[in-house]
Protein backbone atom coordinates (compact mmCIF):
# COMPACT_ATOMS: atom_id res chain seq x y z
CA UNK A 1 0.00 0.00 0.00
CA UNK A 2 2.79 2.44 0.95
CA UNK A 3 4.61 1.64 -2.29
CA UNK A 4 1.50 2.17 -4.42
CA UNK A 5 0.82 5.55 -2.80
CA UNK A 6 4.43 6.62 -3.35
CA UNK A 7 4.25 5.52 -6.97
CA UNK A 8 1.01 7.46 -7.45
CA UNK A 9 2.61 10.58 -5.92
CA UNK A 10 5.67 10.33 -8.14
CA UNK A 11 3.56 9.79 -11.21
CA UNK A 12 1.37 12.78 -10.44
CA UNK A 13 4.33 15.00 -9.57
CA UNK A 14 6.00 14.20 -12.88
CA UNK A 15 3.15 15.93 -14.70
CA UNK A 16 4.23 19.20 -13.12
CA UNK A 17 7.95 18.85 -13.75
CA UNK A 18 9.64 21.27 -16.14
CA UNK A 19 10.75 20.01 -19.56
CA UNK A 20 14.00 18.12 -19.48
CA UNK A 21 16.65 17.82 -22.14
CA UNK A 22 18.56 14.65 -22.92
CA UNK A 23 22.29 15.18 -22.61
CA UNK A 24 24.23 13.84 -25.57
CA UNK A 25 25.62 10.42 -24.84
CA UNK A 26 24.03 10.25 -21.40
CA UNK A 27 21.35 7.91 -20.24
CA UNK A 28 19.99 10.25 -17.58
CA UNK A 29 18.16 13.53 -18.03
CA UNK A 30 19.14 16.86 -16.48
CA UNK A 31 16.95 19.84 -15.71
CA UNK A 32 17.85 22.57 -18.21
CA UNK A 33 15.35 25.29 -17.28
CA UNK A 34 11.90 25.83 -15.87
CA UNK A 35 8.84 26.03 -18.07
CA UNK A 36 8.05 29.55 -16.83
CA UNK A 37 8.47 32.48 -19.18
CA UNK A 38 10.44 35.45 -17.90
CA UNK A 39 8.52 38.64 -17.16
CA UNK A 40 9.24 40.61 -20.35
CA UNK A 41 9.29 43.90 -18.46
CA UNK A 42 12.48 42.88 -16.65
CA UNK A 43 14.14 42.26 -19.98
CA UNK A 44 13.57 45.94 -20.80
CA UNK A 45 15.66 47.14 -17.85
CA UNK A 46 18.93 48.66 -18.97
CA UNK A 47 21.85 46.99 -17.21
CA UNK A 48 21.99 46.74 -13.42
CA UNK A 49 20.57 49.14 -10.87
CA UNK A 50 22.92 52.13 -10.53
CA UNK A 51 24.29 51.73 -7.01
CA UNK A 52 25.13 48.00 -7.19
CA UNK A 53 26.87 48.80 -10.49
CA UNK A 54 28.99 51.41 -8.70
CA UNK A 55 29.81 48.78 -6.07
CA UNK A 56 30.74 46.27 -8.78
CA UNK A 57 33.16 48.70 -10.42
CA UNK A 58 34.69 49.61 -7.09
CA UNK A 59 35.18 45.92 -6.28
CA UNK A 60 36.74 45.27 -9.69
CA UNK A 61 39.17 48.14 -9.15
CA UNK A 62 40.21 46.80 -5.74
CA UNK A 63 40.66 43.28 -7.11
CA UNK A 64 43.17 44.71 -9.57
CA UNK A 65 44.68 47.08 -6.98
CA UNK A 66 44.37 45.40 -3.56
CA UNK A 67 46.97 47.72 -2.08
CA UNK A 68 44.44 50.57 -2.43
CA UNK A 69 41.80 48.95 -0.19
CA UNK A 70 42.48 51.22 2.78
CA UNK A 71 42.78 54.31 0.63
CA UNK A 72 39.38 54.33 -1.11
CA UNK A 73 36.96 57.04 0.07
CA UNK A 74 33.30 56.83 -0.90
CA UNK A 75 31.35 59.94 -1.86
CA UNK A 76 29.03 57.69 -3.80
CA UNK A 77 25.87 56.11 -2.46
CA UNK A 78 24.09 58.33 0.06
CA UNK A 79 24.66 56.09 3.06
CA UNK A 80 24.98 57.78 6.44
CA UNK A 81 28.15 57.19 8.46
CA UNK A 82 27.65 58.87 11.85
CA UNK A 83 26.47 56.78 14.84
CA UNK A 84 22.84 56.91 15.90
CA UNK A 85 22.60 59.56 18.67
CA UNK A 86 22.12 58.59 22.30
CA UNK A 87 18.46 59.48 22.87
CA UNK A 88 17.31 57.97 19.58
CA UNK A 89 19.39 54.87 20.26
CA UNK A 90 17.75 54.54 23.68
CA UNK A 91 14.41 54.27 21.92
CA UNK A 92 15.66 51.36 19.82
CA UNK A 93 17.24 49.66 22.83
CA UNK A 94 14.11 50.17 24.91
CA UNK A 95 11.94 48.79 22.14
CA UNK A 96 14.09 45.67 21.95
CA UNK A 97 14.23 45.22 25.73
CA UNK A 98 10.43 45.33 26.05
CA UNK A 99 10.18 42.25 23.87
CA UNK A 100 11.99 40.30 26.59
CA UNK A 101 9.34 41.01 29.20
CA UNK A 102 5.91 39.52 29.68
CA UNK A 103 4.16 42.87 29.90
CA UNK A 104 6.19 44.55 27.17
CA UNK A 105 6.11 41.83 24.54
CA UNK A 106 4.22 42.57 21.32
CA UNK A 107 3.74 40.56 18.15
CA UNK A 108 2.18 41.71 14.92
CA UNK A 109 1.23 45.37 14.90
CA UNK A 110 -1.02 47.35 12.59
CA UNK A 111 0.23 47.25 9.01
CA UNK A 112 -0.29 51.01 8.80
CA UNK A 113 2.00 51.59 11.78
CA UNK A 114 1.92 52.29 15.50
CA UNK A 115 -0.87 54.79 16.17
CA UNK A 116 1.29 56.81 18.52
CA UNK A 117 4.00 57.12 15.87
CA UNK A 118 1.51 58.07 13.16
CA UNK A 119 0.10 60.78 15.43
CA UNK A 120 3.56 62.07 16.29
CA UNK A 121 4.61 62.23 12.63
CA UNK A 122 1.47 64.24 11.84
CA UNK A 123 1.93 66.66 14.74
CA UNK A 124 5.71 67.08 15.01
CA UNK A 125 6.78 66.94 11.35
CA UNK A 126 3.65 68.25 9.65
CA UNK A 127 2.30 70.61 12.34
CA UNK A 128 -1.09 68.87 11.97
CA UNK A 129 -1.41 69.74 8.27
CA UNK A 130 -2.30 66.07 7.86
CA UNK A 131 -4.27 63.58 9.98
CA UNK A 132 -2.66 60.54 11.67
CA UNK A 133 -4.86 58.14 9.68
CA UNK A 134 -3.32 59.53 6.48
CA UNK A 135 0.15 58.34 7.56
CA UNK A 136 1.35 54.85 6.59
CA UNK A 137 4.51 53.81 8.43
CA UNK A 138 6.84 51.55 6.46
CA UNK A 139 10.37 50.24 6.02
CA UNK A 140 11.48 53.17 3.88
CA UNK A 141 10.62 55.57 1.07
CA UNK A 142 12.27 53.45 -1.65
CA UNK A 143 10.05 50.49 -0.78
CA UNK A 144 7.01 52.76 -0.66
CA UNK A 145 7.65 54.09 -4.15
CA UNK A 146 7.37 50.52 -5.42
CA UNK A 147 4.16 50.06 -3.40
CA UNK A 148 2.74 53.25 -4.89
CA UNK A 149 3.61 51.92 -8.33
CA UNK A 150 1.93 48.60 -7.55
CA UNK A 151 -1.20 50.50 -6.58
CA UNK A 152 -1.25 52.47 -9.85
CA UNK A 153 -0.54 49.38 -11.97
CA UNK A 154 0.53 49.11 -15.60
CA UNK A 155 -2.00 51.35 -17.34
CA UNK A 156 -0.65 54.74 -16.25
CA UNK A 157 1.86 57.12 -17.75
CA UNK A 158 4.48 58.42 -15.32
CA UNK A 159 6.52 61.61 -15.54
CA UNK A 160 9.98 61.81 -13.99
CA UNK A 161 12.53 64.55 -13.56
CA UNK A 162 15.55 64.07 -15.79
CA UNK A 163 17.94 63.46 -14.10
CA UNK A 164 16.25 61.67 -11.21
CA UNK A 165 16.56 58.93 -8.60
CA UNK A 166 16.55 55.70 -10.69
CA UNK A 167 13.78 54.01 -8.67
CA UNK A 168 11.01 56.01 -10.35
CA UNK A 169 11.98 54.85 -13.84
CA UNK A 170 12.99 51.29 -12.97
CA UNK A 171 9.77 50.55 -11.08
CA UNK A 172 7.75 52.00 -13.97
CA UNK A 173 9.52 49.57 -16.29
CA UNK A 174 9.02 46.61 -13.93
CA UNK A 175 5.29 47.34 -13.65
CA UNK A 176 4.85 47.30 -17.42
CA UNK A 177 4.09 51.00 -17.80
CA UNK A 178 6.75 51.59 -20.45
CA UNK A 179 7.90 50.52 -23.85
CA UNK A 180 11.51 49.72 -24.66
CA UNK A 181 14.44 52.02 -24.14
CA UNK A 182 15.31 54.15 -27.13
CA UNK A 183 18.96 53.42 -27.96
CA UNK A 184 19.57 56.97 -29.19
CA UNK A 185 17.93 58.99 -26.42
CA UNK A 186 18.40 56.36 -23.66
CA UNK A 187 14.82 57.12 -22.62
CA UNK A 188 11.94 54.65 -22.27
CA UNK A 189 8.89 54.99 -24.45
CA UNK A 190 5.70 55.95 -22.59
CA UNK A 191 7.50 57.86 -19.82
CA UNK A 192 7.39 61.64 -19.81
CA UNK A 193 10.91 62.87 -19.12
CA UNK A 194 10.82 66.34 -17.55
CA UNK A 195 14.05 68.18 -18.42
CA UNK A 196 15.78 69.60 -15.33
CA UNK A 197 18.78 71.67 -16.28
CA UNK A 198 20.95 74.39 -14.83
CA UNK A 199 19.00 76.82 -17.01
CA UNK A 200 15.63 76.03 -15.39
CA UNK A 201 17.03 75.63 -11.88
CA UNK A 202 16.71 71.83 -12.14
CA UNK A 203 12.92 72.11 -11.83
CA UNK A 204 10.63 71.14 -14.71
CA UNK A 205 8.21 73.37 -16.59
CA UNK A 206 5.21 71.10 -16.06
CA UNK A 207 2.77 73.30 -17.96
CA UNK A 208 4.72 72.86 -21.22
CA UNK A 209 4.98 69.07 -20.97
CA UNK A 210 2.54 66.34 -22.06
CA UNK A 211 0.06 65.20 -19.45
CA UNK A 212 1.06 62.25 -17.27
CA UNK A 213 -1.11 60.33 -14.83
CA UNK A 214 1.55 60.29 -12.13
CA UNK A 215 4.23 62.97 -11.69
CA UNK A 216 7.30 62.25 -9.53
CA UNK A 217 9.11 65.21 -7.97
CA UNK A 218 11.91 65.04 -5.40
CA UNK A 219 12.91 68.07 -3.32
CA UNK A 220 15.55 68.58 -2.07
CA UNK A 221 16.51 66.74 -5.20
CA UNK A 222 18.55 63.64 -5.68
CA UNK A 223 20.92 63.92 -7.57
CA UNK A 224 21.05 67.65 -8.34
CA UNK A 225 20.73 69.00 -4.80
CA UNK A 226 18.23 71.59 -6.07
CA UNK A 227 15.52 72.68 -3.66
CA UNK A 228 12.11 73.65 -5.06
CA UNK A 229 10.81 77.07 -4.09
CA UNK A 230 7.29 77.72 -2.83
CA UNK A 231 6.39 79.28 -6.18
CA UNK A 232 7.63 76.23 -8.09
CA UNK A 233 5.64 73.84 -5.90
CA UNK A 234 2.54 76.02 -6.14
CA UNK A 235 2.82 75.81 -9.91
CA UNK A 236 3.30 72.03 -9.76
CA UNK A 237 0.16 71.61 -7.65
CA UNK A 238 -1.79 73.93 -9.94
CA UNK A 239 -0.77 72.08 -13.10
CA UNK A 240 -1.43 68.63 -11.60
CA UNK A 241 -4.87 69.75 -10.47
CA UNK A 242 -5.61 71.27 -13.88
CA UNK A 243 -4.48 68.16 -15.77
CA UNK A 244 -5.94 65.64 -13.34
CA UNK A 245 -2.54 64.16 -12.45
CA UNK A 246 -1.41 62.74 -9.12
CA UNK A 247 1.83 64.19 -7.77
CA UNK A 248 4.14 61.85 -5.85
CA UNK A 249 6.43 64.06 -3.78
CA UNK A 250 9.64 62.49 -2.48
CA UNK A 251 10.66 64.50 0.60
CA UNK A 252 13.34 62.16 1.95
CA UNK A 253 15.85 65.02 2.29
CA UNK A 254 13.46 67.56 3.83
CA UNK A 255 15.42 68.04 7.11
CA UNK A 256 18.36 69.47 5.14
CA UNK A 257 16.35 72.55 4.23
CA UNK A 258 17.65 75.50 6.23
CA UNK A 259 16.61 78.41 4.02
CA UNK A 260 13.60 80.21 5.53
CA UNK A 261 10.40 79.99 3.53
CA UNK A 262 11.37 76.91 1.50
CA UNK A 263 8.69 74.20 1.94
CA UNK A 264 9.72 70.93 3.56
CA UNK A 265 6.44 69.24 2.65
CA UNK A 266 4.15 69.47 -0.34
CA UNK A 267 1.27 69.91 2.10
CA UNK A 268 2.52 73.37 2.91
CA UNK A 269 1.08 74.26 -0.50
CA UNK A 270 -2.63 75.06 -0.61
CA UNK A 271 -4.63 72.41 -2.45
CA UNK A 272 -1.88 69.79 -2.33
CA UNK A 273 -3.97 67.32 -0.31
CA UNK A 274 -6.27 66.98 -3.32
CA UNK A 275 -3.47 65.99 -5.72
CA UNK A 276 -0.39 64.73 -3.84
CA UNK A 277 1.09 61.70 -2.10
CA UNK A 278 4.26 62.28 -0.06
CA UNK A 279 6.98 59.71 0.65
CA UNK A 280 9.54 60.26 3.40
CA UNK A 281 12.02 58.38 5.54
CA UNK A 282 14.01 58.44 8.77
CA UNK A 283 17.08 57.19 6.87
CA UNK A 284 18.72 60.58 6.47
CA UNK A 285 16.99 62.17 9.48
CA UNK A 286 18.55 59.89 12.06
CA UNK A 287 21.03 57.56 10.38
CA UNK A 288 18.38 54.86 9.86
CA UNK A 289 19.65 53.69 6.46
CA UNK A 290 20.22 50.23 7.90
CA UNK A 291 17.52 50.41 10.56
CA UNK A 292 14.76 50.98 7.96
CA UNK A 293 11.82 53.21 8.84
CA UNK A 294 9.82 55.54 6.64
CA UNK A 295 6.31 56.68 5.92
CA UNK A 296 3.97 57.71 3.13
CA UNK A 297 1.14 60.21 3.44
CA UNK A 298 -1.99 59.58 1.38
CA UNK A 299 -4.58 62.29 2.09
CA UNK A 300 -8.23 61.35 2.43
CA UNK A 301 -9.12 64.09 -0.08
CA UNK A 302 -7.10 62.47 -2.88
CA UNK A 303 -9.36 60.41 -5.16
CA UNK A 304 -9.20 58.39 -8.36
CA UNK A 305 -11.29 59.42 -11.36
CA UNK A 306 -14.16 57.18 -10.22
CA UNK A 307 -14.28 58.85 -6.81
CA UNK A 308 -12.52 56.03 -4.91
CA UNK A 309 -10.18 57.40 -2.22
CA UNK A 310 -6.58 56.63 -3.20
CA UNK A 311 -5.93 55.98 0.49
CA UNK A 312 -8.24 52.93 0.37
CA UNK A 313 -6.19 51.23 -2.34
CA UNK A 314 -2.85 52.09 -0.76
CA UNK A 315 -4.17 50.68 2.51
CA UNK A 316 -5.02 47.48 0.65
CA UNK A 317 -1.47 47.24 -0.71
CA UNK A 318 -0.02 47.73 2.77
CA UNK A 319 -2.33 45.26 4.51
CA UNK A 320 -1.86 42.63 1.80
CA UNK A 321 1.87 42.81 1.11
CA UNK A 322 3.37 44.24 4.33
CA UNK A 323 3.21 43.14 7.96
CA UNK A 324 4.15 46.51 9.40
CA UNK A 325 7.46 48.06 10.36
CA UNK A 326 9.43 46.42 13.17
CA UNK A 327 8.13 47.19 16.66
CA UNK A 328 11.70 47.91 17.74
CA UNK A 329 12.32 50.33 14.90
CA UNK A 330 9.06 52.17 15.50
CA UNK A 331 10.13 52.70 19.11
CA UNK A 332 13.24 54.34 17.70
CA UNK A 333 11.04 56.49 15.48
CA UNK A 334 9.10 57.72 18.49
CA UNK A 335 12.38 58.70 20.15
CA UNK A 336 13.38 60.62 17.01
CA UNK A 337 10.32 62.81 17.38
CA UNK A 338 10.85 63.63 21.05
CA UNK A 339 12.24 67.12 21.66
CA UNK A 340 15.63 65.66 22.51
CA UNK A 341 15.57 63.41 19.45
CA UNK A 342 14.79 66.32 17.13
CA UNK A 343 17.77 68.21 18.56
CA UNK A 344 19.98 65.20 17.84
CA UNK A 345 18.65 65.10 14.27
CA UNK A 346 19.48 68.78 13.80
CA UNK A 347 23.04 68.11 14.97
CA UNK A 348 23.44 65.24 12.51
CA UNK A 349 22.05 67.29 9.64
CA UNK A 350 24.35 70.20 10.47
CA UNK A 351 27.32 67.82 10.33
CA UNK A 352 26.45 66.57 6.84
CA UNK A 353 25.62 70.07 5.58
CA UNK A 354 29.09 71.23 6.65
CA UNK A 355 30.51 68.30 4.66
CA UNK A 356 28.48 69.44 1.65
CA UNK A 357 29.84 72.97 2.00
CA UNK A 358 33.41 71.68 2.07
CA UNK A 359 32.84 69.67 -1.12
CA UNK A 360 31.09 72.56 -2.86
CA UNK A 361 33.83 75.03 -1.92
CA UNK A 362 36.55 72.62 -3.03
CA UNK A 363 35.04 72.15 -6.50
CA UNK A 364 34.36 75.84 -6.96
CA UNK A 365 37.93 76.67 -5.92
CA UNK A 366 39.25 74.83 -8.98
CA UNK A 367 36.82 76.44 -11.40
CA UNK A 368 33.85 74.09 -11.64
CA UNK A 369 30.21 75.09 -11.79
CA UNK A 370 28.59 73.45 -8.78
CA UNK A 371 24.93 73.02 -7.82
CA UNK A 372 23.26 71.84 -4.62
CA UNK A 373 25.11 71.45 -1.36
CA UNK A 374 23.19 74.22 0.43
CA UNK A 375 19.81 72.80 1.48
CA UNK A 376 20.79 69.30 0.40
CA UNK A 377 23.48 66.68 1.09
CA UNK A 378 24.38 66.29 -2.59
CA UNK A 379 26.78 68.37 -4.67
CA UNK A 380 26.25 68.26 -8.44
CA UNK A 381 29.43 69.12 -10.33
CA UNK A 382 29.30 70.16 -13.98
CA UNK A 383 32.08 68.55 -16.00
CA UNK A 384 33.91 70.19 -18.91
CA UNK A 385 32.02 70.09 -22.21
CA UNK A 386 32.11 66.68 -23.86
CA UNK A 387 33.39 64.87 -20.76
CA UNK A 388 31.63 61.56 -20.11
CA UNK A 389 30.49 61.18 -16.51
CA UNK A 390 31.36 57.46 -16.49
CA UNK A 391 34.85 58.30 -17.80
CA UNK A 392 35.23 60.92 -15.07
CA UNK A 393 34.09 58.38 -12.47
CA UNK A 394 36.72 55.88 -13.62
CA UNK A 395 39.52 58.43 -13.86
CA UNK A 396 38.86 59.79 -10.37
CA UNK A 397 38.67 56.31 -8.87
CA UNK A 398 41.95 55.32 -10.49
CA UNK A 399 43.88 58.52 -9.82
CA UNK A 400 42.44 59.69 -6.49
CA UNK A 401 40.75 56.56 -5.09
CA UNK A 402 37.53 58.52 -4.52
CA UNK A 403 34.17 56.98 -5.43
CA UNK A 404 31.71 59.41 -7.02
CA UNK A 405 28.47 58.85 -8.93
CA UNK A 406 28.30 59.57 -12.68
CA UNK A 407 25.36 61.80 -13.52
CA UNK A 408 24.41 59.60 -16.48
CA UNK A 409 23.35 56.96 -13.96
CA UNK A 410 20.41 59.19 -13.06
CA UNK A 411 19.16 59.44 -16.62
CA UNK A 412 20.34 61.04 -19.87
CA UNK A 413 19.84 64.51 -18.39
CA UNK A 414 22.57 63.77 -15.85
CA UNK A 415 25.29 63.26 -18.43
CA UNK A 416 28.08 65.77 -18.02
CA UNK A 417 27.80 65.89 -14.22
CA UNK A 418 29.16 64.07 -11.17
CA UNK A 419 27.25 63.69 -7.90
CA UNK A 420 29.21 63.92 -4.66
CA UNK A 421 27.62 62.73 -1.42
CA UNK A 422 28.21 64.49 1.89
CA UNK A 423 27.41 61.33 3.87
CA UNK A 424 31.00 60.54 4.83
CA UNK A 425 33.07 61.25 7.91
CA UNK A 426 34.53 64.75 8.19
CA UNK A 427 38.05 63.30 8.01
CA UNK A 428 37.26 61.49 4.76
CA UNK A 429 35.52 64.50 3.24
CA UNK A 430 38.50 66.72 3.98
CA UNK A 431 40.90 64.18 2.50
CA UNK A 432 38.64 63.68 -0.53
CA UNK A 433 38.60 67.44 -1.13
CA UNK A 434 42.40 67.51 -1.21
CA UNK A 435 42.57 64.59 -3.64
CA UNK A 436 39.78 65.88 -5.90
CA UNK A 437 41.35 69.31 -6.20
CA UNK A 438 44.54 67.64 -7.41
CA UNK A 439 42.89 65.05 -9.68
CA UNK A 440 40.28 67.37 -11.23
CA UNK A 441 42.27 70.58 -11.52
CA UNK A 442 41.56 72.20 -14.87
């Protein structure tokens, strides 16, 4: 009986096995591949994602030059380097310790986030411009951009700043919103690329561009370091409302804004709650790049064309595909928003802004046009005419052992620029300035 059941199971299972190919001269078969077709949208993606590609090239350089391992300085990926401050750290430690007690233990929490944290985000960071129930706590803004894309699906047209953070374009491709990449322009069909140049202050003229269903704007901007003015954001809200578009506002670098009157949130603009979603993160606020905690605001007033609240569908994405941010991490988030935690955040931001100033001053001292670095942690350096940003990246790595980011990695509009990140130690930034001034002197 046991043998007959086993035989039946094996016979049934074989019906579901992938096709096999007979190896020449061999009596046995070997599995060559599955019978599942690859998602064609992934085949459209151009090369690897930017930051792993930078890491790959750095690794290849060190394999050829192992003696340089201790000399390499990274001004590349925007990863924080300073320790988490004491009060904020105490929140994380306390959150972990509670799990070891009978009264303090907690399991699954609400997928939308701890209610106390949602309330504190709304009151402390937004001055009650939004309601707590409009806040969705998550594991970071990058992950939330993909969730927003999943909510919108494949039948929308997205508009992105050019240059821009690669996630907006890559997730659009993955979701099937785009055609193929044009080999001449290096742009994907069915995406509206919004030119952001030095001439327009790195902010797009939305009124002159074709309508898109979803418009992605990042301010302070990654990679250009440009910070949108109140007037620019008012115009963006006006145009999106007029055209019936939804604006996705990436405010991950908001705490770097120090200039009075410059909005830190899109909801400081009248009417924005009817057209805009905002994504944000504690990564750069408090050194949480590895801790992972962010949030997205979806206002109740924002609706699809059929009258369905957008918030309802985003809530469905979160409750279906996410189990909520870590209880420990959310305890750290609460500590961030205490008065003492906010002071610690200001100190961290001041540190990185001073780094940005050093980098900006160094590049300007040798004759380069430099953008950003004032209300942002990124410095965008304009290269000499005709200079490839990938060539500049390679030359600087080889001659100065400093990792930068080629502007072309942020889209065709970034060609001719290098992005420098201020998220390094002061010692490394000062040393990098010395090396860059020597390696890049005109």
